[in-house]
Each structure stands twice: as C-alpha cells, then as structure tokens.
Amino acid sequence: MKKSVQKMYYSIGEVSELLGIKPHVLRYWETQFPTLKPKKNRAGNRVYKVRDIKFILTIKKLLYERGFTIAGARRKLRESNNNPDILIEQLQIPFADPGKRELVSSLKEDLLELKEMIEAL
C-alpha cells in the first residue's frame, strides 16, 4: 500500500490546476495581495506551500463567490491578520438568509474537498 506523502512545495502549474485558476491570475494576485509571496527555486520558478494555497483559495472565494473587489478582499484579509484559517472559519459562519446559508455550505464543501486533495498529494 502506497503511503500518502504531502509535498512541501507545489509549482504554479500544479496550483493553477488544483484550484482552477490560470497562472497569469495567480501572478497578478501576487501584485495585489502583498502577503502572497511564494518563494522561488534556484531556477526562478515559483514554489507554493500549503499555506500559500489556502491563502489563494481564500482570495478566490472572496473575489469569485462573495463578490468582493480586490481592494475589499485585501481589506478583509488584513482584518483577519492575513490568516486564511481565521477567515475560512469566518466564512463558515451561517447567516440568517437561507441563500447565504447555502453559499456557506458550498464553501465548506469546497474547503473540505481542497483539504482532501492537498492531503492526497
């Protein structure tokens, strides 16, 4: 039986495929979100840690699903001290509006799916 080993670093292509975000979008987000600074290897290629991937997923949720502008997402992340784990917990808080409750449920499923995908790598 093969033991699942979590990688320490992921390439921009792997992150792009994993999260469904084009590489040029990831590079653009680096210019807009100061905390998103993946390291570069000796060849100069970006290498992302799991924490970077969580941060990117949080940005994606804020922009694409919650409808934040880049400035609004930047502000929201700053409020959470750029800690994606805190913000992910906040995004899972149920709201009074049933439509928002469905959104939160969907976000939670997406996050659990991502966690499983990361753990499987």
C-alpha atoms as a PDB file:
ATOM      1  CA  MET A   1       0.000   0.000   0.000  1.00  0.00           C
ATOM      2  CA  LYS A   2       1.349   3.392  -1.007  1.00  0.00           C
ATOM      3  CA  LYS A   3       1.716   5.921   1.791  1.00  0.00           C
ATOM      4  CA  SER A   4       0.349   9.393   1.039  1.00  0.00           C
ATOM      5  CA  VAL A   5       3.058  12.000   1.458  1.00  0.00           C
ATOM      6  CA  GLN A   6       2.229  15.669   1.419  1.00  0.00           C
ATOM      7  CA  LYS A   7       4.566  17.705  -0.721  1.00  0.00           C
ATOM      8  CA  MET A   8       6.247  20.743   0.764  1.00  0.00           C
ATOM      9  CA  TYR A   9       6.158  22.790  -2.431  1.00  0.00           C
ATOM     10  CA  TYR A  10       3.874  22.999  -5.448  1.00  0.00           C
ATOM     11  CA  SER A  11       4.572  24.594  -8.820  1.00  0.00           C
ATOM     12  CA  ILE A  12       2.402  27.366 -10.246  1.00  0.00           C
ATOM     13  CA  GLY A  13       1.050  24.834 -12.768  1.00  0.00           C
ATOM     14  CA  GLU A  14       0.039  22.419 -10.016  1.00  0.00           C
ATOM     15  CA  VAL A  15      -1.653  25.180  -8.004  1.00  0.00           C
ATOM     16  CA  SER A  16      -3.359  26.500 -11.130  1.00  0.00           C
ATOM     17  CA  GLU A  17      -4.762  23.071 -11.960  1.00  0.00           C
ATOM     18  CA  LEU A  18      -5.673  22.259  -8.367  1.00  0.00           C
ATOM     19  CA  LEU A  19      -7.647  25.463  -7.810  1.00  0.00           C
ATOM     20  CA  GLY A  20      -8.873  26.141 -11.346  1.00  0.00           C
ATOM     21  CA  ILE A  21      -7.114  29.499 -11.593  1.00  0.00           C
ATOM     22  CA  LYS A  22      -4.964  30.486 -14.565  1.00  0.00           C
ATOM     23  CA  PRO A  23      -1.249  31.052 -13.811  1.00  0.00           C
ATOM     24  CA  HIS A  24      -1.396  34.666 -15.017  1.00  0.00           C
ATOM     25  CA  VAL A  25      -4.169  35.335 -12.485  1.00  0.00           C
ATOM     26  CA  LEU A  26      -2.014  33.903  -9.701  1.00  0.00           C
ATOM     27  CA  ARG A  27       0.884  36.134 -10.774  1.00  0.00           C
ATOM     28  CA  TYR A  28      -1.448  39.152 -10.862  1.00  0.00           C
ATOM     29  CA  TRP A  29      -2.780  38.388  -7.378  1.00  0.00           C
ATOM     30  CA  GLU A  30       0.812  38.426  -6.114  1.00  0.00           C
ATOM     31  CA  THR A  31       0.965  42.092  -7.143  1.00  0.00           C
ATOM     32  CA  GLN A  32      -2.346  42.888  -5.433  1.00  0.00           C
ATOM     33  CA  PHE A  33      -2.005  40.917  -2.188  1.00  0.00           C
ATOM     34  CA  PRO A  34       1.330  41.698  -0.502  1.00  0.00           C
ATOM     35  CA  THR A  35       1.147  38.624   1.756  1.00  0.00           C
ATOM     36  CA  LEU A  36       1.011  36.312  -1.265  1.00  0.00           C
ATOM     37  CA  LYS A  37       4.711  35.953  -1.965  1.00  0.00           C
ATOM     38  CA  PRO A  38       5.623  32.416  -2.997  1.00  0.00           C
ATOM     39  CA  LYS A  39       9.293  31.597  -2.801  1.00  0.00           C
ATOM     40  CA  LYS A  40      11.262  30.919  -5.952  1.00  0.00           C
ATOM     41  CA  ASN A  41      13.527  27.941  -6.502  1.00  0.00           C
ATOM     42  CA  ARG A  42      17.038  28.108  -7.974  1.00  0.00           C
ATOM     43  CA  ALA A  43      15.614  28.157 -11.483  1.00  0.00           C
ATOM     44  CA  GLY A  44      13.464  31.162 -10.570  1.00  0.00           C
ATOM     45  CA  ASN A  45      10.169  29.243 -10.650  1.00  0.00           C
ATOM     46  CA  ARG A  46       7.514  29.998  -8.048  1.00  0.00           C
ATOM     47  CA  VAL A  47       7.018  27.338  -5.410  1.00  0.00           C
ATOM     48  CA  TYR A  48       3.911  27.434  -3.234  1.00  0.00           C
ATOM     49  CA  LYS A  49       3.479  25.984   0.252  1.00  0.00           C
ATOM     50  CA  VAL A  50       0.161  24.634   1.541  1.00  0.00           C
ATOM     51  CA  ARG A  51      -0.314  27.901   3.457  1.00  0.00           C
ATOM     52  CA  ASP A  52       0.024  29.828   0.163  1.00  0.00           C
ATOM     53  CA  ILE A  53      -2.579  27.551  -1.416  1.00  0.00           C
ATOM     54  CA  LYS A  54      -5.012  28.175   1.463  1.00  0.00           C
ATOM     55  CA  PHE A  55      -4.431  31.896   1.068  1.00  0.00           C
ATOM     56  CA  ILE A  56      -5.111  31.700  -2.687  1.00  0.00           C
ATOM     57  CA  LEU A  57      -8.273  29.676  -2.087  1.00  0.00           C
ATOM     58  CA  THR A  58      -9.457  32.299   0.381  1.00  0.00           C
ATOM     59  CA  ILE A  59      -8.790  35.071  -2.147  1.00  0.00           C
ATOM     60  CA  LYS A  60     -10.671  33.104  -4.805  1.00  0.00           C
ATOM     61  CA  LYS A  61     -13.683  32.626  -2.518  1.00  0.00           C
ATOM     62  CA  LEU A  62     -13.772  36.304  -1.597  1.00  0.00           C
ATOM     63  CA  LEU A  63     -13.483  37.511  -5.203  1.00  0.00           C
ATOM     64  CA  TYR A  64     -15.467  34.954  -7.172  1.00  0.00           C
ATOM     65  CA  GLU A  65     -18.091  33.717  -4.732  1.00  0.00           C
ATOM     66  CA  ARG A  66     -18.552  36.517  -2.219  1.00  0.00           C
ATOM     67  CA  GLY A  67     -18.282  39.288  -4.825  1.00  0.00           C
ATOM     68  CA  PHE A  68     -15.578  41.339  -3.125  1.00  0.00           C
ATOM     69  CA  THR A  69     -13.464  43.747  -5.137  1.00  0.00           C
ATOM     70  CA  ILE A  70      -9.709  43.268  -4.911  1.00  0.00           C
ATOM     71  CA  ALA A  71      -9.497  46.223  -2.515  1.00  0.00           C
ATOM     72  CA  GLY A  72     -12.332  44.767  -0.414  1.00  0.00           C
ATOM     73  CA  ALA A  73     -10.721  41.324  -0.328  1.00  0.00           C
ATOM     74  CA  ARG A  74      -7.394  42.897   0.633  1.00  0.00           C
ATOM     75  CA  ARG A  75      -9.150  44.753   3.479  1.00  0.00           C
ATOM     76  CA  LYS A  76     -10.961  41.599   4.648  1.00  0.00           C
ATOM     77  CA  LEU A  77      -7.706  39.646   4.678  1.00  0.00           C
ATOM     78  CA  ARG A  78      -5.971  42.440   6.578  1.00  0.00           C
ATOM     79  CA  GLU A  79      -8.777  42.328   9.180  1.00  0.00           C
ATOM     80  CA  SER A  80      -8.049  38.627   9.694  1.00  0.00           C
ATOM     81  CA  ASN A  81      -4.309  39.383  10.037  1.00  0.00           C
ATOM     82  CA  ASN A  82      -3.711  37.627   6.717  1.00  0.00           C
ATOM     83  CA  ASN A  83      -4.520  34.313   8.364  1.00  0.00           C
ATOM     84  CA  PRO A  84      -6.553  32.207   5.924  1.00  0.00           C
ATOM     85  CA  ASP A  85      -7.538  29.761   8.668  1.00  0.00           C
ATOM     86  CA  ILE A  86      -9.288  32.512  10.645  1.00  0.00           C
ATOM     87  CA  LEU A  87     -11.021  33.845   7.554  1.00  0.00           C
ATOM     88  CA  ILE A  88     -12.085  30.364   6.435  1.00  0.00           C
ATOM     89  CA  GLU A  89     -13.711  29.902   9.851  1.00  0.00           C
ATOM     90  CA  GLN A  90     -15.464  33.259   9.452  1.00  0.00           C
ATOM     91  CA  LEU A  91     -16.713  32.274   6.004  1.00  0.00           C
ATOM     92  CA  GLN A  92     -18.308  29.159   7.516  1.00  0.00           C
ATOM     93  CA  ILE A  93     -20.493  31.102   9.970  1.00  0.00           C
ATOM     94  CA  PRO A  94     -24.147  30.574   8.983  1.00  0.00           C
ATOM     95  CA  PHE A  95     -26.219  33.639   8.168  1.00  0.00           C
ATOM     96  CA  ALA A  96     -29.930  34.307   8.618  1.00  0.00           C
ATOM     97  CA  ASP A  97     -30.525  34.439   4.846  1.00  0.00           C
ATOM     98  CA  PRO A  98     -31.108  30.874   3.511  1.00  0.00           C
ATOM     99  CA  GLY A  99     -29.308  31.745   0.275  1.00  0.00           C
ATOM    100  CA  LYS A 100     -26.240  32.759   2.254  1.00  0.00           C
ATOM    101  CA  ARG A 101     -26.514  29.582   4.297  1.00  0.00           C
ATOM    102  CA  GLU A 102     -26.338  27.586   1.045  1.00  0.00           C
ATOM    103  CA  LEU A 103     -23.284  29.589  -0.009  1.00  0.00           C
ATOM    104  CA  VAL A 104     -21.575  28.906   3.308  1.00  0.00           C
ATOM    105  CA  SER A 105     -22.383  25.220   2.991  1.00  0.00           C
ATOM    106  CA  SER A 106     -20.965  25.199  -0.539  1.00  0.00           C
ATOM    107  CA  LEU A 107     -17.798  26.979   0.621  1.00  0.00           C
ATOM    108  CA  LYS A 108     -17.368  24.481   3.431  1.00  0.00           C
ATOM    109  CA  GLU A 109     -17.686  21.578   0.979  1.00  0.00           C
ATOM    110  CA  ASP A 110     -15.137  23.208  -1.345  1.00  0.00           C
ATOM    111  CA  LEU A 111     -12.695  23.719   1.506  1.00  0.00           C
ATOM    112  CA  LEU A 112     -13.067  20.140   2.692  1.00  0.00           C
ATOM    113  CA  GLU A 113     -12.542  18.950  -0.877  1.00  0.00           C
ATOM    114  CA  LEU A 114      -9.391  21.056  -1.183  1.00  0.00           C
ATOM    115  CA  LYS A 115      -8.116  19.752   2.145  1.00  0.00           C
ATOM    116  CA  GLU A 116      -8.616  16.170   0.945  1.00  0.00           C
ATOM    117  CA  MET A 117      -6.898  16.947  -2.360  1.00  0.00           C
ATOM    118  CA  ILE A 118      -3.919  18.516  -0.570  1.00  0.00           C
ATOM    119  CA  GLU A 119      -3.672  15.615   1.862  1.00  0.00           C
ATOM    120  CA  ALA A 120      -3.778  13.151  -1.039  1.00  0.00           C
ATOM    121  CA  LEU A 121      -0.802  14.829  -2.737  1.00  0.00           C
END
